[in-house]
Amino acid sequence: MNGTNRGKKDAITTLYKLCTIRPNKERVVNAGAVRPLVGMVAEQGNGMAEKALVVLSSLAAIEDGKEAIVEDGGIAALLEVIEDGSVKGKEFAVTALLQLCTDSVRNRGLLVREGGIPPLVALSQSGSVKAKHKAEALLGYLRESRQEVSSSGS
Protein backbone atom coordinates (compact mmCIF):
# COMPACT_ATOMS: atom_id res chain seq x y z
CA MET A 1 0.00 0.00 0.00
CA ASN A 2 1.41 3.35 -1.02
CA GLY A 3 1.25 6.53 0.99
CA THR A 4 2.60 8.06 4.16
CA ASN A 5 2.37 6.31 7.50
CA ARG A 6 -0.13 8.95 8.62
CA GLY A 7 -2.26 8.33 5.54
CA LYS A 8 -2.14 4.57 6.08
CA LYS A 9 -3.13 4.93 9.73
CA ASP A 10 -6.02 7.19 8.77
CA ALA A 11 -7.15 4.71 6.11
CA ILE A 12 -7.01 1.78 8.54
CA THR A 13 -8.89 3.75 11.19
CA THR A 14 -11.59 4.58 8.66
CA LEU A 15 -11.82 0.94 7.55
CA TYR A 16 -12.13 -0.14 11.16
CA LYS A 17 -14.99 2.26 11.76
CA LEU A 18 -16.70 1.23 8.52
CA CYS A 19 -16.40 -2.44 9.47
CA THR A 20 -18.57 -2.02 12.54
CA ILE A 21 -21.52 -2.45 10.15
CA ARG A 22 -21.82 -5.82 8.40
CA PRO A 23 -22.74 -4.56 4.89
CA ASN A 24 -19.68 -2.33 5.02
CA LYS A 25 -17.48 -5.35 5.73
CA GLU A 26 -18.70 -6.87 2.49
CA ARG A 27 -18.02 -3.61 0.66
CA VAL A 28 -14.51 -3.40 2.11
CA VAL A 29 -13.77 -6.96 0.97
CA ASN A 30 -15.28 -6.37 -2.48
CA ALA A 31 -13.23 -3.18 -2.85
CA GLY A 32 -10.05 -5.26 -2.56
CA ALA A 33 -8.86 -3.94 0.79
CA VAL A 34 -7.81 -7.32 2.17
CA ARG A 35 -4.60 -7.70 0.15
CA PRO A 36 -3.10 -4.37 1.30
CA LEU A 37 -4.16 -5.11 4.88
CA VAL A 38 -2.39 -8.48 4.75
CA GLY A 39 0.66 -6.64 3.40
CA MET A 40 0.54 -4.17 6.28
CA VAL A 41 0.58 -7.02 8.78
CA ALA A 42 4.18 -7.62 7.73
CA GLU A 43 5.13 -3.99 8.45
CA GLN A 44 6.15 -4.58 12.06
CA GLY A 45 7.32 -1.69 14.18
CA ASN A 46 5.42 1.21 12.65
CA GLY A 47 2.10 0.73 14.41
CA MET A 48 0.40 -0.36 11.23
CA ALA A 49 0.47 -4.12 11.74
CA GLU A 50 -1.72 -4.15 14.84
CA LYS A 51 -4.26 -1.80 13.29
CA ALA A 52 -4.40 -3.93 10.13
CA LEU A 53 -4.82 -7.05 12.29
CA VAL A 54 -7.84 -5.55 14.03
CA VAL A 55 -9.51 -4.82 10.69
CA LEU A 56 -8.65 -8.30 9.36
CA SER A 57 -10.16 -9.85 12.49
CA SER A 58 -13.32 -7.90 11.83
CA LEU A 59 -13.41 -9.00 8.19
CA ALA A 60 -12.79 -12.62 9.22
CA ALA A 61 -16.24 -12.56 10.80
CA ILE A 62 -17.90 -12.79 7.36
CA GLU A 63 -17.54 -15.56 4.79
CA ASP A 64 -16.28 -13.33 1.96
CA GLY A 65 -13.74 -11.86 4.34
CA LYS A 66 -12.49 -15.29 5.36
CA GLU A 67 -12.08 -16.32 1.74
CA ALA A 68 -10.26 -13.12 0.79
CA ILE A 69 -7.90 -13.31 3.76
CA VAL A 70 -6.98 -16.90 2.93
CA GLU A 71 -6.61 -16.19 -0.81
CA ASP A 72 -4.40 -13.17 -0.15
CA GLY A 73 -1.91 -15.08 2.01
CA GLY A 74 -3.39 -14.11 5.34
CA ILE A 75 -2.75 -17.38 7.14
CA ALA A 76 1.01 -17.18 6.57
CA ALA A 77 1.06 -13.49 7.51
CA LEU A 78 -0.89 -14.13 10.71
CA LEU A 79 1.45 -16.96 11.66
CA GLU A 80 4.44 -14.65 11.19
CA VAL A 81 2.90 -12.25 13.68
CA ILE A 82 2.36 -15.09 16.15
CA GLU A 83 6.03 -15.99 15.80
CA ASP A 84 7.57 -12.50 15.79
CA GLY A 85 4.93 -9.90 16.62
CA SER A 86 4.17 -7.80 19.66
CA VAL A 87 2.08 -9.15 22.52
CA LYS A 88 -1.00 -7.31 21.22
CA GLY A 89 -0.22 -8.32 17.66
CA LYS A 90 -0.12 -11.97 18.68
CA GLU A 91 -3.51 -11.61 20.37
CA PHE A 92 -5.04 -10.05 17.27
CA ALA A 93 -3.43 -12.60 14.96
CA VAL A 94 -4.63 -15.62 16.92
CA THR A 95 -8.10 -14.06 17.10
CA ALA A 96 -8.19 -13.76 13.32
CA LEU A 97 -6.90 -17.32 12.85
CA LEU A 98 -9.51 -18.62 15.26
CA GLN A 99 -12.22 -16.88 13.24
CA LEU A 100 -10.81 -18.25 9.99
CA CYS A 101 -10.68 -21.82 11.29
CA THR A 102 -13.65 -22.22 13.64
CA ASP A 103 -16.08 -23.42 10.98
CA SER A 104 -13.66 -24.35 8.22
CA VAL A 105 -11.91 -27.70 8.05
CA ARG A 106 -10.25 -26.44 4.85
CA ASN A 107 -8.71 -23.44 6.62
CA ARG A 108 -7.58 -25.66 9.48
CA GLY A 109 -5.77 -27.83 6.95
CA LEU A 110 -4.15 -24.78 5.38
CA LEU A 111 -3.04 -23.59 8.81
CA VAL A 112 -1.43 -26.95 9.54
CA ARG A 113 0.27 -27.03 6.12
CA GLU A 114 1.66 -23.53 6.75
CA GLY A 115 3.37 -24.90 9.86
CA GLY A 116 0.94 -23.36 12.31
CA ILE A 117 1.06 -25.92 15.10
CA PRO A 118 4.49 -25.11 16.62
CA PRO A 119 3.88 -21.34 16.90
CA LEU A 120 0.40 -21.95 18.32
CA VAL A 121 1.78 -24.39 20.90
CA ALA A 122 4.43 -21.83 21.86
CA LEU A 123 1.78 -19.12 22.13
CA SER A 124 -0.43 -21.37 24.26
CA GLN A 125 2.46 -21.74 26.69
CA SER A 126 3.99 -18.28 26.77
CA GLY A 127 1.49 -15.78 25.38
CA SER A 128 -0.76 -13.35 27.21
CA VAL A 129 -3.77 -14.82 28.99
CA LYS A 130 -6.04 -13.93 26.04
CA ALA A 131 -3.61 -15.29 23.47
CA LYS A 132 -3.07 -18.51 25.43
CA HIS A 133 -6.81 -19.11 25.67
CA LYS A 134 -7.40 -18.51 21.96
CA ALA A 135 -4.37 -20.55 20.91
CA GLU A 136 -5.60 -23.45 23.04
CA ALA A 137 -9.06 -23.19 21.47
CA LEU A 138 -7.56 -23.17 17.99
CA LEU A 139 -5.32 -26.14 18.78
CA GLY A 140 -8.45 -27.93 19.99
CA TYR A 141 -10.11 -27.34 16.62
CA LEU A 142 -7.01 -28.64 14.86
CA ARG A 143 -7.10 -31.80 17.00
CA GLU A 144 -10.80 -32.26 16.20
CA SER A 145 -10.08 -32.02 12.48
CA ARG A 146 -7.30 -34.57 12.73
CA GLN A 147 -9.54 -36.96 14.67
CA GLU A 148 -12.36 -36.51 12.14
CA VAL A 149 -10.00 -37.31 9.28
CA SER A 150 -8.52 -40.36 11.00
CA SER A 151 -11.92 -41.75 12.02
CA SER A 152 -13.44 -41.22 8.57
CA GLY A 153 -10.45 -42.87 6.94
CA SER A 154 -10.84 -46.06 9.00
C-alpha atoms as a PDB file:
ATOM      1  CA  MET A   1       0.000   0.000   0.000  1.00  0.00           C
ATOM      2  CA  ASN A   2       1.413   3.351  -1.022  1.00  0.00           C
ATOM      3  CA  GLY A   3       1.255   6.533   0.995  1.00  0.00           C
ATOM      4  CA  THR A   4       2.602   8.057   4.157  1.00  0.00           C
ATOM      5  CA  ASN A   5       2.371   6.306   7.501  1.00  0.00           C
ATOM      6  CA  ARG A   6      -0.134   8.947   8.624  1.00  0.00           C
ATOM      7  CA  GLY A   7      -2.255   8.327   5.543  1.00  0.00           C
ATOM      8  CA  LYS A   8      -2.140   4.572   6.084  1.00  0.00           C
ATOM      9  CA  LYS A   9      -3.131   4.934   9.732  1.00  0.00           C
ATOM     10  CA  ASP A  10      -6.023   7.194   8.768  1.00  0.00           C
ATOM     11  CA  ALA A  11      -7.153   4.707   6.113  1.00  0.00           C
ATOM     12  CA  ILE A  12      -7.013   1.784   8.536  1.00  0.00           C
ATOM     13  CA  THR A  13      -8.888   3.753  11.193  1.00  0.00           C
ATOM     14  CA  THR A  14     -11.587   4.583   8.657  1.00  0.00           C
ATOM     15  CA  LEU A  15     -11.819   0.944   7.552  1.00  0.00           C
ATOM     16  CA  TYR A  16     -12.127  -0.142  11.165  1.00  0.00           C
ATOM     17  CA  LYS A  17     -14.994   2.261  11.757  1.00  0.00           C
ATOM     18  CA  LEU A  18     -16.704   1.230   8.524  1.00  0.00           C
ATOM     19  CA  CYS A  19     -16.404  -2.439   9.466  1.00  0.00           C
ATOM     20  CA  THR A  20     -18.565  -2.023  12.535  1.00  0.00           C
ATOM     21  CA  ILE A  21     -21.525  -2.450  10.152  1.00  0.00           C
ATOM     22  CA  ARG A  22     -21.823  -5.817   8.396  1.00  0.00           C
ATOM     23  CA  PRO A  23     -22.744  -4.563   4.892  1.00  0.00           C
ATOM     24  CA  ASN A  24     -19.683  -2.333   5.018  1.00  0.00           C
ATOM     25  CA  LYS A  25     -17.482  -5.354   5.729  1.00  0.00           C
ATOM     26  CA  GLU A  26     -18.703  -6.872   2.492  1.00  0.00           C
ATOM     27  CA  ARG A  27     -18.022  -3.608   0.660  1.00  0.00           C
ATOM     28  CA  VAL A  28     -14.512  -3.401   2.107  1.00  0.00           C
ATOM     29  CA  VAL A  29     -13.770  -6.960   0.972  1.00  0.00           C
ATOM     30  CA  ASN A  30     -15.280  -6.366  -2.476  1.00  0.00           C
ATOM     31  CA  ALA A  31     -13.234  -3.183  -2.847  1.00  0.00           C
ATOM     32  CA  GLY A  32     -10.052  -5.256  -2.558  1.00  0.00           C
ATOM     33  CA  ALA A  33      -8.856  -3.940   0.787  1.00  0.00           C
ATOM     34  CA  VAL A  34      -7.807  -7.322   2.173  1.00  0.00           C
ATOM     35  CA  ARG A  35      -4.596  -7.698   0.151  1.00  0.00           C
ATOM     36  CA  PRO A  36      -3.099  -4.367   1.301  1.00  0.00           C
ATOM     37  CA  LEU A  37      -4.160  -5.115   4.878  1.00  0.00           C
ATOM     38  CA  VAL A  38      -2.388  -8.481   4.751  1.00  0.00           C
ATOM     39  CA  GLY A  39       0.659  -6.639   3.401  1.00  0.00           C
ATOM     40  CA  MET A  40       0.536  -4.170   6.279  1.00  0.00           C
ATOM     41  CA  VAL A  41       0.582  -7.017   8.780  1.00  0.00           C
ATOM     42  CA  ALA A  42       4.183  -7.619   7.729  1.00  0.00           C
ATOM     43  CA  GLU A  43       5.134  -3.994   8.455  1.00  0.00           C
ATOM     44  CA  GLN A  44       6.148  -4.582  12.061  1.00  0.00           C
ATOM     45  CA  GLY A  45       7.319  -1.692  14.179  1.00  0.00           C
ATOM     46  CA  ASN A  46       5.423   1.209  12.649  1.00  0.00           C
ATOM     47  CA  GLY A  47       2.098   0.725  14.414  1.00  0.00           C
ATOM     48  CA  MET A  48       0.402  -0.363  11.225  1.00  0.00           C
ATOM     49  CA  ALA A  49       0.465  -4.125  11.741  1.00  0.00           C
ATOM     50  CA  GLU A  50      -1.717  -4.151  14.843  1.00  0.00           C
ATOM     51  CA  LYS A  51      -4.256  -1.803  13.293  1.00  0.00           C
ATOM     52  CA  ALA A  52      -4.398  -3.933  10.134  1.00  0.00           C
ATOM     53  CA  LEU A  53      -4.819  -7.047  12.294  1.00  0.00           C
ATOM     54  CA  VAL A  54      -7.844  -5.547  14.031  1.00  0.00           C
ATOM     55  CA  VAL A  55      -9.507  -4.823  10.688  1.00  0.00           C
ATOM     56  CA  LEU A  56      -8.648  -8.296   9.362  1.00  0.00           C
ATOM     57  CA  SER A  57     -10.163  -9.848  12.489  1.00  0.00           C
ATOM     58  CA  SER A  58     -13.322  -7.897  11.826  1.00  0.00           C
ATOM     59  CA  LEU A  59     -13.406  -9.002   8.190  1.00  0.00           C
ATOM     60  CA  ALA A  60     -12.793 -12.622   9.218  1.00  0.00           C
ATOM     61  CA  ALA A  61     -16.243 -12.561  10.797  1.00  0.00           C
ATOM     62  CA  ILE A  62     -17.897 -12.792   7.361  1.00  0.00           C
ATOM     63  CA  GLU A  63     -17.542 -15.562   4.789  1.00  0.00           C
ATOM     64  CA  ASP A  64     -16.283 -13.329   1.957  1.00  0.00           C
ATOM     65  CA  GLY A  65     -13.744 -11.860   4.340  1.00  0.00           C
ATOM     66  CA  LYS A  66     -12.488 -15.294   5.361  1.00  0.00           C
ATOM     67  CA  GLU A  67     -12.084 -16.324   1.736  1.00  0.00           C
ATOM     68  CA  ALA A  68     -10.263 -13.119   0.792  1.00  0.00           C
ATOM     69  CA  ILE A  69      -7.903 -13.312   3.762  1.00  0.00           C
ATOM     70  CA  VAL A  70      -6.977 -16.901   2.931  1.00  0.00           C
ATOM     71  CA  GLU A  71      -6.613 -16.188  -0.807  1.00  0.00           C
ATOM     72  CA  ASP A  72      -4.400 -13.171  -0.146  1.00  0.00           C
ATOM     73  CA  GLY A  73      -1.914 -15.081   2.011  1.00  0.00           C
ATOM     74  CA  GLY A  74      -3.394 -14.114   5.338  1.00  0.00           C
ATOM     75  CA  ILE A  75      -2.747 -17.383   7.139  1.00  0.00           C
ATOM     76  CA  ALA A  76       1.014 -17.183   6.574  1.00  0.00           C
ATOM     77  CA  ALA A  77       1.062 -13.492   7.510  1.00  0.00           C
ATOM     78  CA  LEU A  78      -0.890 -14.131  10.709  1.00  0.00           C
ATOM     79  CA  LEU A  79       1.454 -16.962  11.661  1.00  0.00           C
ATOM     80  CA  GLU A  80       4.441 -14.655  11.190  1.00  0.00           C
ATOM     81  CA  VAL A  81       2.896 -12.253  13.685  1.00  0.00           C
ATOM     82  CA  ILE A  82       2.356 -15.093  16.151  1.00  0.00           C
ATOM     83  CA  GLU A  83       6.031 -15.987  15.803  1.00  0.00           C
ATOM     84  CA  ASP A  84       7.569 -12.502  15.793  1.00  0.00           C
ATOM     85  CA  GLY A  85       4.926  -9.900  16.618  1.00  0.00           C
ATOM     86  CA  SER A  86       4.170  -7.804  19.657  1.00  0.00           C
ATOM     87  CA  VAL A  87       2.076  -9.155  22.523  1.00  0.00           C
ATOM     88  CA  LYS A  88      -1.000  -7.313  21.225  1.00  0.00           C
ATOM     89  CA  GLY A  89      -0.222  -8.315  17.655  1.00  0.00           C
ATOM     90  CA  LYS A  90      -0.120 -11.965  18.676  1.00  0.00           C
ATOM     91  CA  GLU A  91      -3.508 -11.608  20.374  1.00  0.00           C
ATOM     92  CA  PHE A  92      -5.044 -10.049  17.271  1.00  0.00           C
ATOM     93  CA  ALA A  93      -3.428 -12.604  14.956  1.00  0.00           C
ATOM     94  CA  VAL A  94      -4.625 -15.622  16.919  1.00  0.00           C
ATOM     95  CA  THR A  95      -8.096 -14.065  17.102  1.00  0.00           C
ATOM     96  CA  ALA A  96      -8.189 -13.760  13.318  1.00  0.00           C
ATOM     97  CA  LEU A  97      -6.901 -17.316  12.851  1.00  0.00           C
ATOM     98  CA  LEU A  98      -9.509 -18.618  15.259  1.00  0.00           C
ATOM     99  CA  GLN A  99     -12.223 -16.884  13.242  1.00  0.00           C
ATOM    100  CA  LEU A 100     -10.814 -18.251   9.994  1.00  0.00           C
ATOM    101  CA  CYS A 101     -10.675 -21.818  11.286  1.00  0.00           C
ATOM    102  CA  THR A 102     -13.647 -22.218  13.636  1.00  0.00           C
ATOM    103  CA  ASP A 103     -16.082 -23.419  10.981  1.00  0.00           C
ATOM    104  CA  SER A 104     -13.658 -24.351   8.220  1.00  0.00           C
ATOM    105  CA  VAL A 105     -11.906 -27.696   8.049  1.00  0.00           C
ATOM    106  CA  ARG A 106     -10.250 -26.441   4.850  1.00  0.00           C
ATOM    107  CA  ASN A 107      -8.708 -23.438   6.618  1.00  0.00           C
ATOM    108  CA  ARG A 108      -7.577 -25.661   9.481  1.00  0.00           C
ATOM    109  CA  GLY A 109      -5.774 -27.831   6.952  1.00  0.00           C
ATOM    110  CA  LEU A 110      -4.150 -24.776   5.384  1.00  0.00           C
ATOM    111  CA  LEU A 111      -3.041 -23.592   8.810  1.00  0.00           C
ATOM    112  CA  VAL A 112      -1.430 -26.953   9.543  1.00  0.00           C
ATOM    113  CA  ARG A 113       0.270 -27.029   6.122  1.00  0.00           C
ATOM    114  CA  GLU A 114       1.656 -23.529   6.752  1.00  0.00           C
ATOM    115  CA  GLY A 115       3.372 -24.899   9.862  1.00  0.00           C
ATOM    116  CA  GLY A 116       0.939 -23.357  12.313  1.00  0.00           C
ATOM    117  CA  ILE A 117       1.055 -25.915  15.096  1.00  0.00           C
ATOM    118  CA  PRO A 118       4.492 -25.107  16.621  1.00  0.00           C
ATOM    119  CA  PRO A 119       3.880 -21.337  16.902  1.00  0.00           C
ATOM    120  CA  LEU A 120       0.404 -21.952  18.323  1.00  0.00           C
ATOM    121  CA  VAL A 121       1.782 -24.390  20.902  1.00  0.00           C
ATOM    122  CA  ALA A 122       4.435 -21.834  21.864  1.00  0.00           C
ATOM    123  CA  LEU A 123       1.783 -19.118  22.133  1.00  0.00           C
ATOM    124  CA  SER A 124      -0.434 -21.369  24.262  1.00  0.00           C
ATOM    125  CA  GLN A 125       2.459 -21.739  26.688  1.00  0.00           C
ATOM    126  CA  SER A 126       3.988 -18.277  26.772  1.00  0.00           C
ATOM    127  CA  GLY A 127       1.491 -15.776  25.385  1.00  0.00           C
ATOM    128  CA  SER A 128      -0.756 -13.353  27.210  1.00  0.00           C
ATOM    129  CA  VAL A 129      -3.770 -14.821  28.991  1.00  0.00           C
ATOM    130  CA  LYS A 130      -6.037 -13.932  26.040  1.00  0.00           C
ATOM    131  CA  ALA A 131      -3.609 -15.286  23.471  1.00  0.00           C
ATOM    132  CA  LYS A 132      -3.070 -18.510  25.429  1.00  0.00           C
ATOM    133  CA  HIS A 133      -6.806 -19.111  25.673  1.00  0.00           C
ATOM    134  CA  LYS A 134      -7.399 -18.514  21.964  1.00  0.00           C
ATOM    135  CA  ALA A 135      -4.365 -20.549  20.911  1.00  0.00           C
ATOM    136  CA  GLU A 136      -5.599 -23.452  23.041  1.00  0.00           C
ATOM    137  CA  ALA A 137      -9.060 -23.191  21.469  1.00  0.00           C
ATOM    138  CA  LEU A 138      -7.556 -23.167  17.987  1.00  0.00           C
ATOM    139  CA  LEU A 139      -5.319 -26.139  18.777  1.00  0.00           C
ATOM    140  CA  GLY A 140      -8.446 -27.933  19.993  1.00  0.00           C
ATOM    141  CA  TYR A 141     -10.110 -27.341  16.618  1.00  0.00           C
ATOM    142  CA  LEU A 142      -7.015 -28.640  14.864  1.00  0.00           C
ATOM    143  CA  ARG A 143      -7.098 -31.801  16.999  1.00  0.00           C
ATOM    144  CA  GLU A 144     -10.804 -32.261  16.198  1.00  0.00           C
ATOM    145  CA  SER A 145     -10.079 -32.023  12.480  1.00  0.00           C
ATOM    146  CA  ARG A 146      -7.296 -34.574  12.731  1.00  0.00           C
ATOM    147  CA  GLN A 147      -9.543 -36.956  14.674  1.00  0.00           C
ATOM    148  CA  GLU A 148     -12.364 -36.513  12.140  1.00  0.00           C
ATOM    149  CA  VAL A 149     -10.001 -37.309   9.276  1.00  0.00           C
ATOM    150  CA  SER A 150      -8.520 -40.362  10.997  1.00  0.00           C
ATOM    151  CA  SER A 151     -11.920 -41.749  12.022  1.00  0.00           C
ATOM    152  CA  SER A 152     -13.442 -41.220   8.566  1.00  0.00           C
ATOM    153  CA  GLY A 153     -10.451 -42.873   6.936  1.00  0.00           C
ATOM    154  CA  SER A 154     -10.839 -46.061   8.995  1.00  0.00           C
END
